[in-house]
C-alpha atoms as a PDB file:
ATOM      1  CA  UNK A   1     -56.320   2.531 -34.994  1.00  0.00           C
ATOM      2  CA  UNK A   2     -55.914   3.743 -38.564  1.00  0.00           C
ATOM      3  CA  UNK A   3     -53.046   2.403 -40.633  1.00  0.00           C
ATOM      4  CA  UNK A   4     -51.701   4.760 -43.277  1.00  0.00           C
ATOM      5  CA  UNK A   5     -49.194   4.268 -46.054  1.00  0.00           C
ATOM      6  CA  UNK A   6     -46.015   6.301 -45.551  1.00  0.00           C
ATOM      7  CA  UNK A   7     -46.922   8.455 -48.576  1.00  0.00           C
ATOM      8  CA  UNK A   8     -50.046   9.587 -46.727  1.00  0.00           C
ATOM      9  CA  UNK A   9     -48.142  10.914 -43.732  1.00  0.00           C
ATOM     10  CA  UNK A  10     -46.511  14.323 -43.842  1.00  0.00           C
ATOM     11  CA  UNK A  11     -43.141  14.275 -42.077  1.00  0.00           C
ATOM     12  CA  UNK A  12     -41.378  17.542 -41.334  1.00  0.00           C
ATOM     13  CA  UNK A  13     -38.668  18.093 -43.914  1.00  0.00           C
ATOM     14  CA  UNK A  14     -35.113  18.188 -42.586  1.00  0.00           C
ATOM     15  CA  UNK A  15     -33.139  21.309 -43.360  1.00  0.00           C
ATOM     16  CA  UNK A  16     -29.954  20.155 -45.079  1.00  0.00           C
ATOM     17  CA  UNK A  17     -26.861  22.343 -45.214  1.00  0.00           C
ATOM     18  CA  UNK A  18     -26.394  21.531 -48.906  1.00  0.00           C
ATOM     19  CA  UNK A  19     -29.685  23.353 -49.543  1.00  0.00           C
ATOM     20  CA  UNK A  20     -28.689  26.499 -47.592  1.00  0.00           C
ATOM     21  CA  UNK A  21     -27.329  29.692 -49.165  1.00  0.00           C
ATOM     22  CA  UNK A  22     -24.565  29.844 -46.522  1.00  0.00           C
ATOM     23  CA  UNK A  23     -23.129  26.421 -47.448  1.00  0.00           C
ATOM     24  CA  UNK A  24     -20.037  26.258 -49.663  1.00  0.00           C
ATOM     25  CA  UNK A  25     -20.107  22.967 -51.562  1.00  0.00           C
ATOM     26  CA  UNK A  26     -16.394  22.992 -52.376  1.00  0.00           C
ATOM     27  CA  UNK A  27     -15.026  23.543 -48.873  1.00  0.00           C
ATOM     28  CA  UNK A  28     -18.015  22.117 -46.916  1.00  0.00           C
ATOM     29  CA  UNK A  29     -17.902  25.303 -44.814  1.00  0.00           C
ATOM     30  CA  UNK A  30     -20.744  27.367 -43.445  1.00  0.00           C
ATOM     31  CA  UNK A  31     -20.350  31.007 -44.416  1.00  0.00           C
ATOM     32  CA  UNK A  32     -22.844  32.184 -41.832  1.00  0.00           C
ATOM     33  CA  UNK A  33     -20.191  32.350 -39.095  1.00  0.00           C
ATOM     34  CA  UNK A  34     -16.435  32.898 -39.052  1.00  0.00           C
ATOM     35  CA  UNK A  35     -13.790  31.810 -36.588  1.00  0.00           C
ATOM     36  CA  UNK A  36     -11.968  35.015 -35.643  1.00  0.00           C
ATOM     37  CA  UNK A  37      -8.502  34.943 -34.068  1.00  0.00           C
ATOM     38  CA  UNK A  38      -8.004  37.764 -31.580  1.00  0.00           C
ATOM     39  CA  UNK A  39      -4.266  37.076 -31.755  1.00  0.00           C
ATOM     40  CA  UNK A  40      -3.653  37.281 -35.510  1.00  0.00           C
ATOM     41  CA  UNK A  41      -6.803  39.084 -36.629  1.00  0.00           C
ATOM     42  CA  UNK A  42      -7.446  36.407 -39.263  1.00  0.00           C
ATOM     43  CA  UNK A  43     -10.799  34.862 -39.944  1.00  0.00           C
ATOM     44  CA  UNK A  44     -11.714  31.488 -41.355  1.00  0.00           C
ATOM     45  CA  UNK A  45     -14.976  29.745 -42.086  1.00  0.00           C
ATOM     46  CA  UNK A  46     -16.051  26.755 -40.017  1.00  0.00           C
ATOM     47  CA  UNK A  47     -17.123  23.327 -41.278  1.00  0.00           C
ATOM     48  CA  UNK A  48     -20.881  23.074 -41.638  1.00  0.00           C
ATOM     49  CA  UNK A  49     -21.165  19.904 -39.544  1.00  0.00           C
ATOM     50  CA  UNK A  50     -19.498  21.722 -36.634  1.00  0.00           C
ATOM     51  CA  UNK A  51     -22.001  24.558 -36.947  1.00  0.00           C
ATOM     52  CA  UNK A  52     -24.937  22.136 -36.919  1.00  0.00           C
ATOM     53  CA  UNK A  53     -23.652  20.180 -33.924  1.00  0.00           C
ATOM     54  CA  UNK A  54     -23.513  23.231 -31.612  1.00  0.00           C
ATOM     55  CA  UNK A  55     -26.742  24.771 -30.329  1.00  0.00           C
ATOM     56  CA  UNK A  56     -24.902  28.076 -29.815  1.00  0.00           C
ATOM     57  CA  UNK A  57     -24.471  28.352 -33.584  1.00  0.00           C
ATOM     58  CA  UNK A  58     -26.906  27.032 -36.205  1.00  0.00           C
ATOM     59  CA  UNK A  59     -27.562  23.832 -34.268  1.00  0.00           C
ATOM     60  CA  UNK A  60     -29.547  20.727 -35.187  1.00  0.00           C
ATOM     61  CA  UNK A  61     -32.642  22.879 -35.753  1.00  0.00           C
ATOM     62  CA  UNK A  62     -30.863  24.900 -38.461  1.00  0.00           C
ATOM     63  CA  UNK A  63     -31.545  28.253 -36.817  1.00  0.00           C
ATOM     64  CA  UNK A  64     -29.820  30.341 -39.521  1.00  0.00           C
ATOM     65  CA  UNK A  65     -30.888  28.182 -42.483  1.00  0.00           C
ATOM     66  CA  UNK A  66     -31.890  30.106 -45.609  1.00  0.00           C
ATOM     67  CA  UNK A  67     -33.022  27.966 -48.489  1.00  0.00           C
ATOM     68  CA  UNK A  68     -31.233  28.213 -51.824  1.00  0.00           C
ATOM     69  CA  UNK A  69     -33.322  28.754 -54.937  1.00  0.00           C
ATOM     70  CA  UNK A  70     -34.403  25.305 -56.131  1.00  0.00           C
ATOM     71  CA  UNK A  71     -32.486  25.541 -59.430  1.00  0.00           C
ATOM     72  CA  UNK A  72     -29.203  25.870 -57.492  1.00  0.00           C
ATOM     73  CA  UNK A  73     -29.992  22.787 -55.414  1.00  0.00           C
ATOM     74  CA  UNK A  74     -30.722  20.730 -58.538  1.00  0.00           C
ATOM     75  CA  UNK A  75     -27.598  22.037 -60.258  1.00  0.00           C
ATOM     76  CA  UNK A  76     -25.424  21.018 -57.288  1.00  0.00           C
ATOM     77  CA  UNK A  77     -26.959  17.529 -57.263  1.00  0.00           C
ATOM     78  CA  UNK A  78     -26.458  17.193 -61.018  1.00  0.00           C
ATOM     79  CA  UNK A  79     -22.823  18.269 -60.644  1.00  0.00           C
ATOM     80  CA  UNK A  80     -22.346  15.611 -57.941  1.00  0.00           C
ATOM     81  CA  UNK A  81     -23.767  12.931 -60.223  1.00  0.00           C
ATOM     82  CA  UNK A  82     -21.621  13.988 -63.178  1.00  0.00           C
ATOM     83  CA  UNK A  83     -18.488  14.104 -61.015  1.00  0.00           C
ATOM     84  CA  UNK A  84     -19.127  10.504 -59.930  1.00  0.00           C
ATOM     85  CA  UNK A  85     -19.792   9.106 -63.412  1.00  0.00           C
ATOM     86  CA  UNK A  86     -16.232   7.714 -63.597  1.00  0.00           C
ATOM     87  CA  UNK A  87     -17.035   5.503 -60.600  1.00  0.00           C
ATOM     88  CA  UNK A  88     -19.814   3.802 -62.572  1.00  0.00           C
ATOM     89  CA  UNK A  89     -17.400   2.285 -65.104  1.00  0.00           C
END
């Protein structure tokens, strides 16, 4: 048996909705699919966690995942940190 440090093992990277081009950070919706009403003709976007929990849609494997450019991901994370700075006081 060979014992390795965790930094020596390559784990598959999880695809996170916040890093997908279809994810809207303000509404937490996935813009890859819409919920269409055949009665009213209106459409609305569906929450991303609902899309990931159903295998018929994006599912846990992130079937329709398209990665955002890395600068957008970092900008979103920086915005999250700056929005929470009041909590640090």
